[in-house]
Protein backbone atom coordinates (compact mmCIF):
# COMPACT_ATOMS: atom_id res chain seq x y z
CA MET A 1 0.01 0.12 0.14
CA ILE A 2 2.70 2.51 0.80
CA ILE A 3 4.29 1.87 -2.75
CA GLU A 4 0.83 2.77 -4.42
CA VAL A 5 0.81 6.07 -2.57
CA VAL A 6 4.28 6.90 -3.13
CA LEU A 7 3.80 6.37 -7.04
CA ASN A 8 0.61 8.31 -7.11
CA GLU A 9 2.26 11.43 -5.17
CA SER A 10 5.23 11.00 -7.57
CA SER A 11 3.08 11.29 -10.72
CA ARG A 12 1.24 14.39 -9.37
CA LYS A 13 4.63 15.99 -8.58
CA ILE A 14 5.87 15.44 -11.82
CA ALA A 15 2.62 16.86 -13.35
CA LYS A 16 3.18 20.01 -11.51
CA ASN A 17 6.69 20.40 -12.98
CA VAL A 18 6.13 19.76 -16.65
CA ASN A 19 7.68 22.55 -18.58
CA SER A 20 9.34 20.64 -21.57
CA LYS A 21 8.83 17.76 -23.85
CA GLU A 22 11.26 15.78 -21.64
CA ASP A 23 9.18 16.50 -18.46
CA PHE A 24 5.93 15.47 -20.36
CA ILE A 25 7.54 12.27 -21.21
CA ARG A 26 8.80 11.77 -17.82
CA PHE A 27 5.17 12.35 -16.57
CA MET A 28 3.60 10.17 -19.07
CA ASP A 29 5.88 7.29 -17.89
CA ALA A 30 5.09 7.91 -14.07
CA LEU A 31 1.19 8.09 -15.02
CA MET A 32 1.44 4.71 -16.92
CA ASN A 33 3.57 3.22 -14.04
CA ASP A 34 0.95 4.27 -11.70
CA PHE A 35 -1.82 2.73 -13.84
CA LYS A 36 -0.01 -0.50 -14.07
CA ILE A 37 0.17 -0.67 -10.31
CA ASN A 38 -2.88 1.20 -9.16
CA SER A 39 -5.43 1.02 -11.85
CA ASN A 40 -8.06 -0.25 -9.20
CA GLN A 41 -7.61 3.12 -7.47
CA TRP A 42 -8.26 5.10 -10.57
CA GLU A 43 -11.78 6.53 -10.77
CA ASN A 44 -11.54 6.31 -14.49
CA ASN A 45 -9.65 3.09 -15.13
CA THR A 46 -11.16 2.16 -18.74
CA LEU A 47 -10.10 3.99 -21.84
CA THR A 48 -13.76 5.06 -22.41
CA ASP A 49 -14.20 6.49 -18.74
CA TYR A 50 -10.58 8.17 -19.03
CA LEU A 51 -11.32 9.89 -22.28
CA ALA A 52 -14.58 10.95 -20.90
CA ALA A 53 -12.89 12.44 -18.11
CA VAL A 54 -10.41 14.25 -20.25
CA GLN A 55 -13.36 15.76 -22.21
CA ASN A 56 -15.31 16.74 -19.01
CA TRP A 57 -12.43 18.30 -17.23
CA THR A 58 -11.35 20.11 -20.45
CA GLU A 59 -14.85 21.79 -20.34
CA ASP A 60 -14.42 22.81 -16.73
CA ILE A 61 -10.73 23.66 -16.93
CA GLU A 62 -11.53 27.33 -15.79
CA GLY A 63 -12.96 26.04 -12.70
CA TYR A 64 -9.91 23.93 -11.83
CA TYR A 65 -7.75 27.29 -11.94
CA ILE A 66 -10.23 29.35 -10.21
CA ASN A 67 -10.87 27.02 -7.26
CA ASN A 68 -7.16 26.50 -6.91
CA ASN A 69 -6.45 30.12 -7.09
CA ILE A 70 -4.08 29.42 -9.99
CA PRO A 71 -3.69 31.75 -13.02
CA MET A 72 -5.38 30.19 -15.99
CA PRO A 73 -2.51 29.34 -18.63
CA GLU A 74 -2.40 31.39 -21.59
CA ASN A 75 -1.66 30.20 -25.35
CA ILE A 76 -2.55 26.54 -24.66
CA SER A 77 -2.05 24.66 -27.84
CA TRP A 78 -5.27 22.73 -28.25
CA LYS A 79 -4.13 21.54 -31.57
CA THR A 80 -1.13 19.95 -30.21
CA PHE A 81 -3.29 17.92 -27.59
CA ALA A 82 -5.58 16.83 -30.28
CA ASP A 83 -2.62 15.81 -32.45
CA ILE A 84 -1.27 13.84 -29.62
CA LEU A 85 -4.43 11.91 -28.80
CA MET A 86 -5.00 11.21 -32.54
CA ALA A 87 -1.52 9.82 -33.13
CA ALA A 88 -1.90 7.44 -29.99
CA THR A 89 -4.72 5.75 -32.00
CA MET A 90 -2.27 4.35 -34.28
CA TYR A 91 1.23 4.95 -33.21
CA GLU A 92 3.13 2.03 -31.75
């Protein structure tokens, strides 16, 4: 149980410090490892549920930043997110 908590906290800590492509890759690695070990702890542990949560969270993105008293990021590249998600449907 201790390992599960550490990995989850590690993923969250890495997510807060993503500032480059390399950081994002490291975050994705931590997130995948967390899912492999803790998928039963994830609220959205199927691809359908996870993608629905991504969509729902994106619709309410402003609320996250307002509720956490964090400035809303400017110049978000939504096209890049779309490219990443589409490419992952066929990329190995």
